[in-house]
Amino acid sequence: MTESIIPTLRPEVAWSRLSAEALNDLARRDAVVLLPVASTEQHGPHLPTGVDDFLGTAVCHWTAERLAPDHPAVVAPTLWCGLADHHVAFGGTFTLSLPTYHALLRDLCRSILGAGFRRIVMVNSHGGNIAALSALAVELTRELGAAIATVTYFVEAADAVAGILEDQSNVMHACEGETAMMMALAPDLVDAARLPEAHGPAFDVAASLLPTLRQVRAWEEVSPGGVAGDARRANADKGEALLEACAGVLADRLRAGEPWA
């Protein structure tokens, strides 16, 4: 079995492993808070339901490590449930209504601000959250009067990711990209015996969000097997390169002062 490369959570970046006193100090240093927002949903026959949770959390930790020590960052506990109604038919999926999601994000951000932090980046790892987060970031900024930004890690790193993947241009769903990253992070959670089944039609996440005439479709209509893309070319080395690339792109933008510059 391949050894997991997921980094040990560093006490200086993991909110839940820090004392209130340490967090107060980081707030005084104007640390940015990375809030991973994910989903718990079906990921085909070969991957666990927590893929978005695991990958989004890892990208945030790797990003915070790259920012240290000159640009302090804190990784908040991951919001593991999002908008995933389109996956419910497969089973194994949690989902929220949009009003609940709005209220939950508002209260989480309010708590972060109440702890003295001024800048929050909601780092998303689930395609189904993208449209809502774009609108809710505007609402939350207005409601809370704070600098709240949102980013989807694999969309932000699209150019870098395209140079690593072989059979697709970006992350899809339970695909070459997500499977490779899970092979790097937690290989024991990837069912290699089911990989021959892990392929389905291509799905362009970014294109699906363009304001053209369309009807929302349940995922079982998009891919009866629950997979978009082809996981059969995935491997751990590719997964590590993808994680490095995604964290590197996000860290570079934050180091440059974006999106607040």
Protein backbone atom coordinates (compact mmCIF):
# COMPACT_ATOMS: atom_id res chain seq x y z
CA MET A 1 0.00 0.00 0.00
CA THR A 2 1.31 3.44 -0.91
CA GLU A 3 1.95 5.64 2.10
CA SER A 4 -0.28 8.68 2.34
CA ILE A 5 1.46 12.00 1.70
CA ILE A 6 -1.17 14.09 3.44
CA PRO A 7 0.78 16.45 5.69
CA THR A 8 0.46 16.28 9.43
CA LEU A 9 -1.75 19.17 10.47
CA ARG A 10 0.55 21.92 11.68
CA PRO A 11 -0.70 23.43 14.93
CA GLU A 12 0.12 26.91 13.64
CA VAL A 13 -2.36 26.69 10.74
CA ALA A 14 -5.16 24.38 11.93
CA TRP A 15 -7.83 26.38 13.78
CA SER A 16 -9.12 23.37 15.70
CA ARG A 17 -5.64 22.56 17.05
CA LEU A 18 -4.88 26.09 18.20
CA SER A 19 -5.68 27.68 21.53
CA ALA A 20 -7.86 30.77 21.71
CA GLU A 21 -4.79 32.72 22.78
CA ALA A 22 -2.86 31.59 19.71
CA LEU A 23 -5.78 32.47 17.45
CA ASN A 24 -6.02 35.91 19.07
CA ASP A 25 -2.36 36.46 18.22
CA LEU A 26 -2.90 35.39 14.61
CA ALA A 27 -5.88 37.73 14.35
CA ARG A 28 -3.69 40.61 15.59
CA ARG A 29 -1.20 39.68 12.84
CA ASP A 30 -4.03 39.98 10.27
CA ALA A 31 -3.87 36.33 9.27
CA VAL A 32 -6.19 35.31 6.45
CA VAL A 33 -8.67 32.55 7.31
CA LEU A 34 -9.14 29.81 4.73
CA LEU A 35 -12.57 28.25 5.18
CA PRO A 36 -12.80 25.00 3.18
CA VAL A 37 -16.34 24.48 1.86
CA ALA A 38 -17.00 21.05 0.45
CA SER A 39 -19.65 18.36 0.04
CA THR A 40 -20.29 14.78 1.10
CA GLU A 41 -21.70 12.92 -1.90
CA GLN A 42 -21.32 9.92 -4.16
CA HIS A 43 -18.06 9.70 -6.11
CA GLY A 44 -18.58 6.68 -8.30
CA PRO A 45 -17.86 3.04 -7.43
CA HIS A 46 -14.20 3.54 -6.50
CA LEU A 47 -14.04 6.60 -4.24
CA PRO A 48 -15.48 7.51 -0.83
CA THR A 49 -18.17 10.11 -0.32
CA GLY A 50 -15.75 12.46 1.45
CA VAL A 51 -13.57 13.24 -1.59
CA ASP A 52 -14.43 16.95 -1.74
CA ASP A 53 -13.94 17.27 2.02
CA PHE A 54 -10.52 15.57 1.93
CA LEU A 55 -9.22 17.38 -1.16
CA GLY A 56 -10.44 20.85 -0.21
CA THR A 57 -9.02 20.51 3.28
CA ALA A 58 -5.66 19.35 1.94
CA VAL A 59 -5.42 22.18 -0.58
CA CYS A 60 -6.09 24.70 2.19
CA HIS A 61 -3.42 23.22 4.45
CA TRP A 62 -0.87 23.08 1.65
CA THR A 63 -1.71 26.67 0.75
CA ALA A 64 -1.26 27.84 4.34
CA GLU A 65 2.07 26.05 4.54
CA ARG A 66 3.28 27.89 1.45
CA LEU A 67 2.22 31.24 2.84
CA ALA A 68 4.06 30.81 6.14
CA PRO A 69 5.79 32.52 7.85
CA ASP A 70 5.57 35.90 6.11
CA HIS A 71 1.87 35.71 5.31
CA PRO A 72 0.10 34.01 8.21
CA ALA A 73 -2.97 31.93 7.46
CA VAL A 74 -5.38 29.81 9.48
CA VAL A 75 -7.38 26.87 8.12
CA ALA A 76 -10.84 26.76 9.67
CA PRO A 77 -12.66 23.44 10.16
CA THR A 78 -14.13 22.25 6.87
CA LEU A 79 -17.80 22.73 6.07
CA TRP A 80 -18.36 19.18 4.83
CA CYS A 81 -21.93 19.63 3.55
CA GLY A 82 -23.00 21.73 0.58
CA LEU A 83 -25.47 21.82 -2.30
CA ALA A 84 -25.58 18.31 -3.74
CA ASP A 85 -29.21 17.60 -4.50
CA HIS A 86 -28.21 16.46 -7.99
CA HIS A 87 -26.33 13.49 -6.48
CA VAL A 88 -29.02 12.30 -4.04
CA ALA A 89 -30.41 9.56 -6.30
CA PHE A 90 -27.17 7.59 -5.98
CA GLY A 91 -27.36 7.42 -2.19
CA GLY A 92 -24.69 8.33 0.34
CA THR A 93 -25.19 12.06 -0.16
CA PHE A 94 -25.87 14.94 2.23
CA THR A 95 -27.31 18.18 0.90
CA LEU A 96 -28.55 21.52 2.20
CA SER A 97 -31.22 23.90 0.98
CA LEU A 98 -29.93 27.26 -0.26
CA PRO A 99 -31.40 29.25 2.68
CA THR A 100 -29.79 26.85 5.15
CA TYR A 101 -26.46 27.10 3.33
CA HIS A 102 -26.65 30.89 3.38
CA ALA A 103 -27.46 30.95 7.09
CA LEU A 104 -24.72 28.45 7.93
CA LEU A 105 -22.05 30.33 6.01
CA ARG A 106 -23.18 33.63 7.53
CA ASP A 107 -22.86 32.26 11.06
CA LEU A 108 -19.49 30.62 10.38
CA CYS A 109 -18.12 33.84 8.90
CA ARG A 110 -19.62 35.85 11.75
CA SER A 111 -17.80 33.58 14.21
CA ILE A 112 -14.50 34.03 12.38
CA LEU A 113 -14.94 37.80 12.37
CA GLY A 114 -15.96 37.69 16.03
CA ALA A 115 -12.64 36.02 16.78
CA GLY A 116 -10.89 39.11 15.48
CA PHE A 117 -10.02 38.11 11.91
CA ARG A 118 -10.72 40.52 9.06
CA ARG A 119 -10.19 38.48 5.88
CA ILE A 120 -11.92 35.22 4.91
CA VAL A 121 -11.49 33.10 1.79
CA MET A 122 -14.06 30.37 1.30
CA VAL A 123 -12.10 27.72 -0.62
CA ASN A 124 -14.57 25.55 -2.50
CA SER A 125 -14.00 21.99 -3.70
CA HIS A 126 -17.46 21.08 -5.07
CA GLY A 127 -18.85 22.14 -8.44
CA GLY A 128 -22.41 22.26 -7.14
CA ASN A 129 -21.49 25.04 -4.71
CA ILE A 130 -19.98 27.43 -7.26
CA ALA A 131 -23.02 29.36 -8.43
CA ALA A 132 -24.39 29.78 -4.91
CA LEU A 133 -21.06 30.91 -3.48
CA SER A 134 -20.68 33.57 -6.17
CA ALA A 135 -23.96 35.13 -5.08
CA LEU A 136 -23.57 34.48 -1.37
CA ALA A 137 -20.13 36.09 -1.20
CA VAL A 138 -21.78 39.35 -2.28
CA GLU A 139 -24.58 38.90 0.26
CA LEU A 140 -22.19 38.00 3.09
CA THR A 141 -19.91 40.95 2.36
CA ARG A 142 -22.92 43.25 2.58
CA GLU A 143 -24.46 41.59 5.62
CA LEU A 144 -21.27 41.32 7.63
CA GLY A 145 -19.36 44.33 6.31
CA ALA A 146 -16.23 42.27 5.89
CA ALA A 147 -13.73 41.19 3.24
CA ILE A 148 -15.12 37.79 2.25
CA ALA A 149 -13.87 36.14 -0.93
CA THR A 150 -14.56 32.81 -2.58
CA VAL A 151 -12.54 30.57 -4.89
CA THR A 152 -12.93 27.07 -6.33
CA TYR A 153 -9.47 25.55 -6.11
CA PHE A 154 -9.53 23.52 -9.35
CA VAL A 155 -11.01 26.38 -11.39
CA GLU A 156 -8.41 28.81 -10.04
CA ALA A 157 -5.62 26.42 -11.02
CA ALA A 158 -7.13 25.39 -14.37
CA ASP A 159 -4.08 26.26 -16.48
CA ALA A 160 -1.66 24.45 -14.17
CA VAL A 161 -3.94 21.42 -13.84
CA ALA A 162 -4.34 21.11 -17.62
CA GLY A 163 -0.59 20.53 -17.97
CA ILE A 164 -0.66 17.57 -15.58
CA LEU A 165 -3.79 15.67 -16.60
CA GLU A 166 -3.64 13.38 -19.64
CA ASP A 167 -7.25 12.62 -20.54
CA GLN A 168 -9.05 15.79 -19.51
CA SER A 169 -8.37 19.51 -19.26
CA ASN A 170 -9.58 20.01 -15.70
CA VAL A 171 -11.11 18.27 -12.70
CA MET A 172 -14.50 16.72 -13.41
CA HIS A 173 -16.07 14.26 -10.96
CA ALA A 174 -14.54 11.04 -9.57
CA CYS A 175 -12.24 11.43 -12.56
CA GLU A 176 -8.55 11.20 -13.42
CA GLY A 177 -7.89 14.31 -11.33
CA GLU A 178 -9.88 13.59 -8.17
CA THR A 179 -8.87 9.93 -8.21
CA ALA A 180 -5.19 10.78 -8.59
CA MET A 181 -5.29 13.25 -5.70
CA MET A 182 -7.04 10.70 -3.50
CA MET A 183 -4.38 8.14 -4.45
CA ALA A 184 -1.80 10.61 -3.17
CA LEU A 185 -3.68 11.64 -0.02
CA ALA A 186 -5.41 8.46 1.14
CA PRO A 187 -4.69 5.48 -1.14
CA ASP A 188 -6.42 3.10 1.24
CA LEU A 189 -9.73 4.83 0.41
CA VAL A 190 -9.43 4.20 -3.34
CA ASP A 191 -10.93 0.87 -4.43
CA ALA A 192 -8.48 -0.17 -7.16
CA ALA A 193 -10.59 -3.19 -8.05
CA ARG A 194 -13.38 -0.85 -9.22
CA LEU A 195 -11.17 1.43 -11.34
CA PRO A 196 -12.03 -0.37 -14.62
CA GLU A 197 -15.62 0.84 -14.10
CA ALA A 198 -14.62 4.41 -13.20
CA HIS A 199 -15.22 6.29 -16.42
CA GLY A 200 -18.08 8.29 -17.85
CA PRO A 201 -18.94 11.19 -20.14
CA ALA A 202 -16.91 14.38 -19.98
CA PHE A 203 -18.39 17.26 -18.00
CA ASP A 204 -17.08 20.83 -18.18
CA VAL A 205 -17.79 22.42 -14.79
CA ALA A 206 -16.98 25.96 -15.90
CA ALA A 207 -19.05 25.71 -19.09
CA SER A 208 -22.00 24.37 -17.11
CA LEU A 209 -22.16 27.68 -15.24
CA LEU A 210 -22.39 29.93 -18.30
CA PRO A 211 -25.70 31.79 -18.62
CA THR A 212 -27.00 29.98 -21.67
CA LEU A 213 -30.36 28.33 -22.21
CA ARG A 214 -30.41 25.08 -20.28
CA GLN A 215 -32.31 23.02 -17.76
CA VAL A 216 -30.70 21.75 -14.58
CA ARG A 217 -30.15 18.00 -14.83
CA ALA A 218 -29.76 15.43 -12.10
CA TRP A 219 -26.38 13.74 -12.08
CA GLU A 220 -27.81 10.32 -12.91
CA GLU A 221 -28.90 11.82 -16.22
CA VAL A 222 -25.42 13.21 -16.86
CA SER A 223 -23.62 10.00 -15.88
CA PRO A 224 -25.52 6.84 -14.93
CA GLY A 225 -22.37 5.45 -13.29
CA GLY A 226 -21.77 8.59 -11.22
CA VAL A 227 -18.41 9.40 -12.86
CA ALA A 228 -17.56 12.24 -15.24
CA GLY A 229 -14.20 11.75 -16.93
CA ASP A 230 -11.90 8.74 -16.80
CA ALA A 231 -10.18 7.63 -13.60
CA ARG A 232 -8.22 4.81 -15.21
CA ARG A 233 -5.18 7.03 -15.94
CA ALA A 234 -4.91 8.23 -12.34
CA ASN A 235 -1.85 7.63 -10.19
CA ALA A 236 -0.43 9.00 -6.95
CA ASP A 237 2.44 10.93 -8.54
CA LYS A 238 -0.01 12.77 -10.75
CA GLY A 239 -2.19 13.44 -7.71
CA GLU A 240 0.68 14.93 -5.73
CA ALA A 241 1.57 17.18 -8.67
CA LEU A 242 -2.05 18.34 -8.91
CA LEU A 243 -2.25 19.17 -5.21
CA GLU A 244 1.07 21.03 -5.37
CA ALA A 245 -0.11 23.00 -8.38
CA CYS A 246 -3.47 23.95 -6.88
CA ALA A 247 -1.98 25.02 -3.56
CA GLY A 248 0.82 26.90 -5.30
CA VAL A 249 -1.51 28.94 -7.50
CA LEU A 250 -3.75 29.91 -4.58
CA ALA A 251 -0.80 30.76 -2.33
CA ASP A 252 0.76 32.95 -5.03
CA ARG A 253 -2.43 34.98 -5.43
CA LEU A 254 -2.87 35.44 -1.68
CA ARG A 255 0.78 36.33 -1.24
CA ALA A 256 0.33 39.04 -3.85
CA GLY A 257 -2.47 40.52 -1.76
CA GLU A 258 -5.33 39.31 -3.92
CA PRO A 259 -8.25 39.62 -3.88
CA TRP A 260 -7.90 42.65 -1.60
CA ALA A 261 -5.05 44.46 -3.33
